[in-house]
Structures are given as C-alpha cells and as structure tokens.
Full PDB file with SEQRES, HELIX, SHEET, SSBOND, CRYST1, ORIGX, SCALE, CONECT and MASTER records, all heavy atoms in Angstrom:
SEQRES   1 A   31  GLY ARG GLU TYR SER PRO ALA ARG GLY TRP ASP LEU GLU          
SEQRES   2 A   31  LYS ASP ILE ILE THR ARG THR VAL GLY ARG LYS SER VAL          
SEQRES   3 A   31  LEU ASN GLU TYR TYR                                          
HELIX    1 AA1 LEU A   12  LYS A   14  5                                   3    
HELIX    2 AA2 ILE A   16  VAL A   21  1                                   6    
HELIX    3 AA3 LYS A   24  TYR A   30  1                                   7    
CRYST1    1.000    1.000    1.000  90.00  90.00  90.00 P 1           1          
ORIGX1      1.000000  0.000000  0.000000        0.00000                         
ORIGX2      0.000000  1.000000  0.000000        0.00000                         
ORIGX3      0.000000  0.000000  1.000000        0.00000                         
SCALE1      1.000000  0.000000  0.000000        0.00000                         
SCALE2      0.000000  1.000000  0.000000        0.00000                         
SCALE3      0.000000  0.000000  1.000000        0.00000                         
ATOM      1  N   GLY A   1      -1.047  -8.182  -6.077  1.00  0.00           N  
ATOM      2  CA  GLY A   1      -1.788  -6.949  -6.308  1.00  0.00           C  
ATOM      3  C   GLY A   1      -3.272  -7.124  -6.078  1.00  0.00           C  
ATOM      4  O   GLY A   1      -3.940  -6.248  -5.507  1.00  0.00           O  
ATOM      5  N   ARG A   2      -3.806  -8.238  -6.528  1.00  0.00           N  
ATOM      6  CA  ARG A   2      -5.234  -8.492  -6.350  1.00  0.00           C  
ATOM      7  C   ARG A   2      -5.601  -8.695  -4.884  1.00  0.00           C  
ATOM      8  O   ARG A   2      -6.637  -8.221  -4.417  1.00  0.00           O  
ATOM      9  CB  ARG A   2      -5.646  -9.730  -7.148  1.00  0.00           C  
ATOM     10  CG  ARG A   2      -5.620  -9.546  -8.652  1.00  0.00           C  
ATOM     11  CD  ARG A   2      -5.947 -10.860  -9.341  1.00  0.00           C  
ATOM     12  NE  ARG A   2      -5.971 -10.698 -10.786  1.00  0.00           N  
ATOM     13  CZ  ARG A   2      -6.199 -11.690 -11.645  1.00  0.00           C  
ATOM     14  NH1 ARG A   2      -6.426 -12.899 -11.184  1.00  0.00           N  
ATOM     15  NH2 ARG A   2      -6.201 -11.468 -12.942  1.00  0.00           N  
ATOM     16  N   GLU A   3      -4.746  -9.405  -4.153  1.00  0.00           N  
ATOM     17  CA  GLU A   3      -5.095  -9.795  -2.794  1.00  0.00           C  
ATOM     18  C   GLU A   3      -4.675  -8.783  -1.731  1.00  0.00           C  
ATOM     19  O   GLU A   3      -5.389  -8.602  -0.730  1.00  0.00           O  
ATOM     20  CB  GLU A   3      -4.465 -11.154  -2.474  1.00  0.00           C  
ATOM     21  CG  GLU A   3      -5.002 -12.297  -3.336  1.00  0.00           C  
ATOM     22  CD  GLU A   3      -4.487 -13.654  -2.875  1.00  0.00           C  
ATOM     23  OE1 GLU A   3      -4.678 -13.995  -1.693  1.00  0.00           O  
ATOM     24  OE2 GLU A   3      -3.886 -14.362  -3.695  1.00  0.00           O  
ATOM     25  N   TYR A   4      -3.534  -8.111  -1.940  1.00  0.00           N  
ATOM     26  CA  TYR A   4      -2.988  -7.287  -0.867  1.00  0.00           C  
ATOM     27  C   TYR A   4      -2.762  -5.818  -1.235  1.00  0.00           C  
ATOM     28  O   TYR A   4      -2.606  -4.994  -0.346  1.00  0.00           O  
ATOM     29  CB  TYR A   4      -1.647  -7.870  -0.385  1.00  0.00           C  
ATOM     30  CG  TYR A   4      -1.771  -9.266   0.146  1.00  0.00           C  
ATOM     31  CD1 TYR A   4      -1.374 -10.359  -0.616  1.00  0.00           C  
ATOM     32  CD2 TYR A   4      -2.299  -9.505   1.417  1.00  0.00           C  
ATOM     33  CE1 TYR A   4      -1.500 -11.661  -0.133  1.00  0.00           C  
ATOM     34  CE2 TYR A   4      -2.428 -10.801   1.908  1.00  0.00           C  
ATOM     35  CZ  TYR A   4      -2.025 -11.861   1.122  1.00  0.00           C  
ATOM     36  OH  TYR A   4      -2.149 -13.140   1.607  1.00  0.00           O  
ATOM     37  N   SER A   5      -2.741  -5.495  -2.519  1.00  0.00           N  
ATOM     38  CA  SER A   5      -2.435  -4.116  -2.896  1.00  0.00           C  
ATOM     39  C   SER A   5      -3.280  -3.669  -4.076  1.00  0.00           C  
ATOM     40  O   SER A   5      -2.760  -3.257  -5.117  1.00  0.00           O  
ATOM     41  CB  SER A   5      -0.936  -3.994  -3.232  1.00  0.00           C  
ATOM     42  OG  SER A   5      -0.530  -2.647  -3.285  1.00  0.00           O  
ATOM     43  N   PRO A   6      -4.609  -3.715  -3.926  1.00  0.00           N  
ATOM     44  CA  PRO A   6      -5.492  -3.345  -5.032  1.00  0.00           C  
ATOM     45  C   PRO A   6      -5.537  -1.837  -5.245  1.00  0.00           C  
ATOM     46  O   PRO A   6      -5.085  -1.058  -4.392  1.00  0.00           O  
ATOM     47  CB  PRO A   6      -6.853  -3.874  -4.566  1.00  0.00           C  
ATOM     48  CG  PRO A   6      -6.784  -3.786  -3.074  1.00  0.00           C  
ATOM     49  CD  PRO A   6      -5.363  -4.112  -2.721  1.00  0.00           C  
ATOM     50  N   ALA A   7      -6.092  -1.432  -6.368  1.00  0.00           N  
ATOM     51  CA  ALA A   7      -6.237  -0.004  -6.643  1.00  0.00           C  
ATOM     52  C   ALA A   7      -7.294   0.605  -5.729  1.00  0.00           C  
ATOM     53  O   ALA A   7      -7.139   1.734  -5.251  1.00  0.00           O  
ATOM     54  CB  ALA A   7      -6.608   0.211  -8.109  1.00  0.00           C  
ATOM     55  N   ARG A   8      -8.374  -0.133  -5.468  1.00  0.00           N  
ATOM     56  CA  ARG A   8      -9.448   0.344  -4.610  1.00  0.00           C  
ATOM     57  C   ARG A   8      -9.554  -0.527  -3.370  1.00  0.00           C  
ATOM     58  O   ARG A   8      -9.269  -1.716  -3.410  1.00  0.00           O  
ATOM     59  CB  ARG A   8     -10.777   0.323  -5.371  1.00  0.00           C  
ATOM     60  CG  ARG A   8     -10.802   1.241  -6.584  1.00  0.00           C  
ATOM     61  CD  ARG A   8     -12.131   1.143  -7.300  1.00  0.00           C  
ATOM     62  NE  ARG A   8     -12.185   1.995  -8.490  1.00  0.00           N  
ATOM     63  CZ  ARG A   8     -13.214   2.079  -9.302  1.00  0.00           C  
ATOM     64  NH1 ARG A   8     -14.295   1.351  -9.070  1.00  0.00           N  
ATOM     65  NH2 ARG A   8     -13.176   2.879 -10.356  1.00  0.00           N  
ATOM     66  N   GLY A   9      -9.955   0.081  -2.269  1.00  0.00           N  
ATOM     67  CA  GLY A   9     -10.084  -0.667  -1.025  1.00  0.00           C  
ATOM     68  C   GLY A   9      -8.750  -1.137  -0.484  1.00  0.00           C  
ATOM     69  O   GLY A   9      -8.657  -2.171   0.182  1.00  0.00           O  
ATOM     70  N   TRP A  10      -7.716  -0.367  -0.758  1.00  0.00           N  
ATOM     71  CA  TRP A  10      -6.356  -0.733  -0.365  1.00  0.00           C  
ATOM     72  C   TRP A  10      -6.170  -0.555   1.129  1.00  0.00           C  
ATOM     73  O   TRP A  10      -6.445   0.515   1.678  1.00  0.00           O  
ATOM     74  CB  TRP A  10      -5.380   0.144  -1.154  1.00  0.00           C  
ATOM     75  CG  TRP A  10      -3.927  -0.056  -0.867  1.00  0.00           C  
ATOM     76  CD1 TRP A  10      -3.315  -1.202  -0.472  1.00  0.00           C  
ATOM     77  CD2 TRP A  10      -2.901   0.928  -0.987  1.00  0.00           C  
ATOM     78  NE1 TRP A  10      -1.961  -1.009  -0.335  1.00  0.00           N  
ATOM     79  CE2 TRP A  10      -1.687   0.292  -0.651  1.00  0.00           C  
ATOM     80  CE3 TRP A  10      -2.893   2.267  -1.350  1.00  0.00           C  
ATOM     81  CZ2 TRP A  10      -0.472   0.976  -0.659  1.00  0.00           C  
ATOM     82  CZ3 TRP A  10      -1.687   2.945  -1.364  1.00  0.00           C  
ATOM     83  CH2 TRP A  10      -0.486   2.301  -1.028  1.00  0.00           C  
ATOM     84  N   ASP A  11      -5.686  -1.586   1.803  1.00  0.00           N  
ATOM     85  CA  ASP A  11      -5.386  -1.542   3.235  1.00  0.00           C  
ATOM     86  C   ASP A  11      -3.891  -1.781   3.408  1.00  0.00           C  
ATOM     87  O   ASP A  11      -3.414  -2.908   3.272  1.00  0.00           O  
ATOM     88  CB  ASP A  11      -6.201  -2.602   3.977  1.00  0.00           C  
ATOM     89  CG  ASP A  11      -5.992  -2.555   5.482  1.00  0.00           C  
ATOM     90  OD1 ASP A  11      -5.145  -1.765   5.946  1.00  0.00           O  
ATOM     91  OD2 ASP A  11      -6.670  -3.320   6.195  1.00  0.00           O  
ATOM     92  N   LEU A  12      -3.183  -0.713   3.733  1.00  0.00           N  
ATOM     93  CA  LEU A  12      -1.726  -0.802   3.819  1.00  0.00           C  
ATOM     94  C   LEU A  12      -1.270  -1.754   4.924  1.00  0.00           C  
ATOM     95  O   LEU A  12      -0.184  -2.324   4.846  1.00  0.00           O  
ATOM     96  CB  LEU A  12      -1.137   0.596   4.055  1.00  0.00           C  
ATOM     97  CG  LEU A  12       0.386   0.740   3.959  1.00  0.00           C  
ATOM     98  CD1 LEU A  12       0.886   0.318   2.577  1.00  0.00           C  
ATOM     99  CD2 LEU A  12       0.810   2.170   4.262  1.00  0.00           C  
ATOM    100  N   GLU A  13      -2.127  -1.936   5.935  1.00  0.00           N  
ATOM    101  CA  GLU A  13      -1.755  -2.832   7.024  1.00  0.00           C  
ATOM    102  C   GLU A  13      -1.580  -4.267   6.523  1.00  0.00           C  
ATOM    103  O   GLU A  13      -0.813  -5.046   7.092  1.00  0.00           O  
ATOM    104  CB  GLU A  13      -2.820  -2.797   8.130  1.00  0.00           C  
ATOM    105  CG  GLU A  13      -2.944  -1.444   8.821  1.00  0.00           C  
ATOM    106  CD  GLU A  13      -1.612  -0.970   9.378  1.00  0.00           C  
ATOM    107  OE1 GLU A  13      -0.962  -1.768  10.082  1.00  0.00           O  
ATOM    108  OE2 GLU A  13      -1.216   0.180   9.111  1.00  0.00           O  
ATOM    109  N   LYS A  14      -2.290  -4.622   5.462  1.00  0.00           N  
ATOM    110  CA  LYS A  14      -2.185  -5.970   4.890  1.00  0.00           C  
ATOM    111  C   LYS A  14      -1.097  -6.065   3.828  1.00  0.00           C  
ATOM    112  O   LYS A  14      -0.749  -7.164   3.394  1.00  0.00           O  
ATOM    113  CB  LYS A  14      -3.529  -6.374   4.280  1.00  0.00           C  
ATOM    114  CG  LYS A  14      -4.673  -6.451   5.274  1.00  0.00           C  
ATOM    115  CD  LYS A  14      -5.974  -6.804   4.573  1.00  0.00           C  
ATOM    116  CE  LYS A  14      -7.143  -6.856   5.556  1.00  0.00           C  
ATOM    117  NZ  LYS A  14      -8.418  -7.167   4.861  1.00  0.00           N  
ATOM    118  N   ASP A  15      -0.595  -4.923   3.403  1.00  0.00           N  
ATOM    119  CA  ASP A  15       0.332  -4.854   2.263  1.00  0.00           C  
ATOM    120  C   ASP A  15       1.764  -4.690   2.753  1.00  0.00           C  
ATOM    121  O   ASP A  15       2.327  -3.596   2.757  1.00  0.00           O  
ATOM    122  CB  ASP A  15      -0.078  -3.680   1.365  1.00  0.00           C  
ATOM    123  CG  ASP A  15       0.755  -3.575   0.088  1.00  0.00           C  
ATOM    124  OD1 ASP A  15       1.701  -4.369  -0.072  1.00  0.00           O  
ATOM    125  OD2 ASP A  15       0.464  -2.689  -0.731  1.00  0.00           O  
ATOM    126  N   ILE A  16       2.375  -5.800   3.162  1.00  0.00           N  
ATOM    127  CA  ILE A  16       3.702  -5.747   3.778  1.00  0.00           C  
ATOM    128  C   ILE A  16       4.775  -5.237   2.818  1.00  0.00           C  
ATOM    129  O   ILE A  16       5.704  -4.535   3.229  1.00  0.00           O  
ATOM    130  CB  ILE A  16       4.109  -7.125   4.348  1.00  0.00           C  
ATOM    131  CG1 ILE A  16       5.429  -7.013   5.103  1.00  0.00           C  
ATOM    132  CG2 ILE A  16       4.185  -8.175   3.244  1.00  0.00           C  
ATOM    133  CD1 ILE A  16       5.840  -8.289   5.813  1.00  0.00           C  
ATOM    134  N   ILE A  17       4.646  -5.543   1.526  1.00  0.00           N  
ATOM    135  CA  ILE A  17       5.691  -5.119   0.593  1.00  0.00           C  
ATOM    136  C   ILE A  17       5.696  -3.603   0.439  1.00  0.00           C  
ATOM    137  O   ILE A  17       6.738  -2.955   0.580  1.00  0.00           O  
ATOM    138  CB  ILE A  17       5.527  -5.803  -0.780  1.00  0.00           C  
ATOM    139  CG1 ILE A  17       5.712  -7.316  -0.650  1.00  0.00           C  
ATOM    140  CG2 ILE A  17       6.548  -5.235  -1.777  1.00  0.00           C  
ATOM    141  CD1 ILE A  17       5.594  -8.079  -1.960  1.00  0.00           C  
ATOM    142  N   THR A  18       4.528  -3.002   0.173  1.00  0.00           N  
ATOM    143  CA  THR A  18       4.479  -1.550   0.019  1.00  0.00           C  
ATOM    144  C   THR A  18       4.834  -0.868   1.335  1.00  0.00           C  
ATOM    145  O   THR A  18       5.518   0.169   1.337  1.00  0.00           O  
ATOM    146  CB  THR A  18       3.089  -1.096  -0.454  1.00  0.00           C  
ATOM    147  OG1 THR A  18       2.729  -1.834  -1.622  1.00  0.00           O  
ATOM    148  CG2 THR A  18       3.088   0.390  -0.790  1.00  0.00           C  
ATOM    149  N   ARG A  19       4.398  -1.428   2.432  1.00  0.00           N  
ATOM    150  CA  ARG A  19       4.719  -0.852   3.741  1.00  0.00           C  
ATOM    151  C   ARG A  19       6.221  -0.824   3.976  1.00  0.00           C  
ATOM    152  O   ARG A  19       6.748   0.075   4.629  1.00  0.00           O  
ATOM    153  CB  ARG A  19       4.029  -1.685   4.825  1.00  0.00           C  
ATOM    154  CG  ARG A  19       3.573  -0.892   6.023  1.00  0.00           C  
ATOM    155  CD  ARG A  19       2.617  -1.663   6.903  1.00  0.00           C  
ATOM    156  NE  ARG A  19       3.191  -2.866   7.460  1.00  0.00           N  
ATOM    157  CZ  ARG A  19       2.680  -4.077   7.310  1.00  0.00           C  
ATOM    158  NH1 ARG A  19       1.586  -4.249   6.599  1.00  0.00           N  
ATOM    159  NH2 ARG A  19       3.244  -5.128   7.856  1.00  0.00           N  
ATOM    160  N   THR A  20       6.931  -1.808   3.412  1.00  0.00           N  
ATOM    161  CA  THR A  20       8.370  -1.934   3.655  1.00  0.00           C  
ATOM    162  C   THR A  20       9.206  -1.180   2.637  1.00  0.00           C  
ATOM    163  O   THR A  20      10.205  -0.537   2.994  1.00  0.00           O  
ATOM    164  CB  THR A  20       8.769  -3.425   3.648  1.00  0.00           C  
ATOM    165  OG1 THR A  20       7.976  -4.134   4.608  1.00  0.00           O  
ATOM    166  CG2 THR A  20      10.245  -3.594   3.979  1.00  0.00           C  
ATOM    167  N   VAL A  21       8.811  -1.249   1.360  1.00  0.00           N  
ATOM    168  CA  VAL A  21       9.673  -0.676   0.308  1.00  0.00           C  
ATOM    169  C   VAL A  21       9.001   0.453  -0.456  1.00  0.00           C  
ATOM    170  O   VAL A  21       9.569   0.983  -1.404  1.00  0.00           O  
ATOM    171  CB  VAL A  21      10.115  -1.773  -0.694  1.00  0.00           C  
ATOM    172  CG1 VAL A  21      10.763  -2.941   0.010  1.00  0.00           C  
ATOM    173  CG2 VAL A  21       8.938  -2.248  -1.553  1.00  0.00           C  
ATOM    174  N   GLY A  22       7.787   0.828  -0.058  1.00  0.00           N  
ATOM    175  CA  GLY A  22       6.989   1.747  -0.857  1.00  0.00           C  
ATOM    176  C   GLY A  22       7.579   3.131  -1.066  1.00  0.00           C  
ATOM    177  O   GLY A  22       8.307   3.656  -0.216  1.00  0.00           O  
ATOM    178  N   ARG A  23       7.204   3.736  -2.182  1.00  0.00           N  
ATOM    179  CA  ARG A  23       7.569   5.105  -2.514  1.00  0.00           C  
ATOM    180  C   ARG A  23       6.993   6.056  -1.448  1.00  0.00           C  
ATOM    181  O   ARG A  23       5.815   5.972  -1.105  1.00  0.00           O  
ATOM    182  CB  ARG A  23       7.003   5.443  -3.899  1.00  0.00           C  
ATOM    183  CG  ARG A  23       7.419   6.764  -4.494  1.00  0.00           C  
ATOM    184  CD  ARG A  23       6.700   6.963  -5.829  1.00  0.00           C  
ATOM    185  NE  ARG A  23       7.062   5.946  -6.792  1.00  0.00           N  
ATOM    186  CZ  ARG A  23       8.042   6.076  -7.687  1.00  0.00           C  
ATOM    187  NH1 ARG A  23       8.740   7.182  -7.738  1.00  0.00           N  
ATOM    188  NH2 ARG A  23       8.306   5.095  -8.534  1.00  0.00           N  
ATOM    189  N   LYS A  24       7.785   6.977  -0.973  1.00  0.00           N  
ATOM    190  CA  LYS A  24       7.357   7.861   0.110  1.00  0.00           C  
ATOM    191  C   LYS A  24       6.116   8.655  -0.257  1.00  0.00           C  
ATOM    192  O   LYS A  24       5.207   8.821   0.562  1.00  0.00           O  
ATOM    193  CB  LYS A  24       8.498   8.810   0.503  1.00  0.00           C  
ATOM    194  CG  LYS A  24       9.622   8.141   1.261  1.00  0.00           C  
ATOM    195  CD  LYS A  24      10.674   9.150   1.703  1.00  0.00           C  
ATOM    196  CE  LYS A  24      11.796   8.462   2.480  1.00  0.00           C  
ATOM    197  NZ  LYS A  24      12.844   9.440   2.899  1.00  0.00           N  
ATOM    198  N   SER A  25       6.062   9.145  -1.499  1.00  0.00           N  
ATOM    199  CA  SER A  25       4.896   9.943  -1.907  1.00  0.00           C  
ATOM    200  C   SER A  25       3.623   9.113  -1.886  1.00  0.00           C  
ATOM    201  O   SER A  25       2.545   9.607  -1.538  1.00  0.00           O  
ATOM    202  CB  SER A  25       5.122  10.532  -3.301  1.00  0.00           C  
ATOM    203  OG  SER A  25       5.301   9.496  -4.264  1.00  0.00           O  
ATOM    204  N   VAL A  26       3.723   7.844  -2.238  1.00  0.00           N  
ATOM    205  CA  VAL A  26       2.569   6.947  -2.217  1.00  0.00           C  
ATOM    206  C   VAL A  26       2.115   6.700  -0.786  1.00  0.00           C  
ATOM    207  O   VAL A  26       0.920   6.752  -0.478  1.00  0.00           O  
ATOM    208  CB  VAL A  26       2.903   5.609  -2.910  1.00  0.00           C  
ATOM    209  CG1 VAL A  26       1.808   4.581  -2.674  1.00  0.00           C  
ATOM    210  CG2 VAL A  26       3.114   5.817  -4.398  1.00  0.00           C  
ATOM    211  N   LEU A  27       3.062   6.449   0.110  1.00  0.00           N  
ATOM    212  CA  LEU A  27       2.726   6.203   1.509  1.00  0.00           C  
ATOM    213  C   LEU A  27       2.130   7.453   2.151  1.00  0.00           C  
ATOM    214  O   LEU A  27       1.142   7.369   2.893  1.00  0.00           O  
ATOM    215  CB  LEU A  27       3.977   5.755   2.271  1.00  0.00           C  
ATOM    216  CG  LEU A  27       4.618   4.444   1.807  1.00  0.00           C  
ATOM    217  CD1 LEU A  27       5.896   4.169   2.582  1.00  0.00           C  
ATOM    218  CD2 LEU A  27       3.651   3.284   1.957  1.00  0.00           C  
ATOM    219  N   ASN A  28       2.717   8.608   1.865  1.00  0.00           N  
ATOM    220  CA  ASN A  28       2.201   9.855   2.432  1.00  0.00           C  
ATOM    221  C   ASN A  28       0.774  10.120   1.975  1.00  0.00           C  
ATOM    222  O   ASN A  28      -0.081  10.528   2.771  1.00  0.00           O  
ATOM    223  CB  ASN A  28       3.102  11.027   2.038  1.00  0.00           C  
ATOM    224  CG  ASN A  28       4.447  10.984   2.744  1.00  0.00           C  
ATOM    225  OD1 ASN A  28       4.583  10.327   3.782  1.00  0.00           O  
ATOM    226  ND2 ASN A  28       5.430  11.675   2.198  1.00  0.00           N  
ATOM    227  N   GLU A  29       0.506   9.887   0.682  1.00  0.00           N  
ATOM    228  CA  GLU A  29      -0.833  10.101   0.154  1.00  0.00           C  
ATOM    229  C   GLU A  29      -1.830   9.134   0.796  1.00  0.00           C  
ATOM    230  O   GLU A  29      -2.977   9.505   1.087  1.00  0.00           O  
ATOM    231  CB  GLU A  29      -0.830   9.934  -1.367  1.00  0.00           C  
ATOM    232  CG  GLU A  29      -2.167  10.205  -2.036  1.00  0.00           C  
ATOM    233  CD  GLU A  29      -2.663  11.620  -1.833  1.00  0.00           C  
ATOM    234  OE1 GLU A  29      -1.835  12.532  -1.624  1.00  0.00           O  
ATOM    235  OE2 GLU A  29      -3.895  11.812  -1.886  1.00  0.00           O  
ATOM    236  N   TYR A  30      -1.395   7.912   1.003  1.00  0.00           N  
ATOM    237  CA  TYR A  30      -2.267   6.928   1.650  1.00  0.00           C  
ATOM    238  C   TYR A  30      -2.661   7.396   3.049  1.00  0.00           C  
ATOM    239  O   TYR A  30      -3.842   7.365   3.412  1.00  0.00           O  
ATOM    240  CB  TYR A  30      -1.573   5.570   1.737  1.00  0.00           C  
ATOM    241  CG  TYR A  30      -2.362   4.534   2.500  1.00  0.00           C  
ATOM    242  CD1 TYR A  30      -3.310   3.746   1.858  1.00  0.00           C  
ATOM    243  CD2 TYR A  30      -2.184   4.359   3.875  1.00  0.00           C  
ATOM    244  CE1 TYR A  30      -4.056   2.804   2.563  1.00  0.00           C  
ATOM    245  CE2 TYR A  30      -2.925   3.427   4.581  1.00  0.00           C  
ATOM    246  CZ  TYR A  30      -3.855   2.658   3.920  1.00  0.00           C  
ATOM    247  OH  TYR A  30      -4.594   1.727   4.627  1.00  0.00           O  
ATOM    248  N   TYR A  31      -1.668   7.826   3.832  1.00  0.00           N  
ATOM    249  CA  TYR A  31      -1.963   8.233   5.205  1.00  0.00           C  
ATOM    250  C   TYR A  31      -2.787   9.516   5.252  1.00  0.00           C  
ATOM    251  O   TYR A  31      -3.622   9.697   6.147  1.00  0.00           O  
ATOM    252  CB  TYR A  31      -0.652   8.402   5.982  1.00  0.00           C  
ATOM    253  CG  TYR A  31       0.014   7.088   6.294  1.00  0.00           C  
ATOM    254  CD1 TYR A  31       1.294   6.802   5.837  1.00  0.00           C  
ATOM    255  CD2 TYR A  31      -0.645   6.108   7.044  1.00  0.00           C  
ATOM    256  CE1 TYR A  31       1.901   5.583   6.115  1.00  0.00           C  
ATOM    257  CE2 TYR A  31      -0.048   4.894   7.329  1.00  0.00           C  
ATOM    258  CZ  TYR A  31       1.229   4.639   6.862  1.00  0.00           C  
ATOM    259  OH  TYR A  31       1.819   3.435   7.136  1.00  0.00           O  
TER     260      TYR A  31                                                      
MASTER        0    0    0    3    0    0    0    6  259    1    0    3          
END                                                                             
C-alpha cells in the first residue's frame, strides 16, 4: 500500500494488484 497503492499520488500503472483484481467502481473513478 505504501509503495504501490497509496491514498494520494496513486499511479494505477504501478499497481498491478488493483489493476488486475480491483473493484470496478474504484477503477472507473480513477480513470
């Protein structure tokens, strides 16, 4: 969480777990 999926400054390109299994609403909001 600290290194790849922080609350602020989140870069989904670096966050392979959320990119792969993430909640659709979370991914949609990110994009």
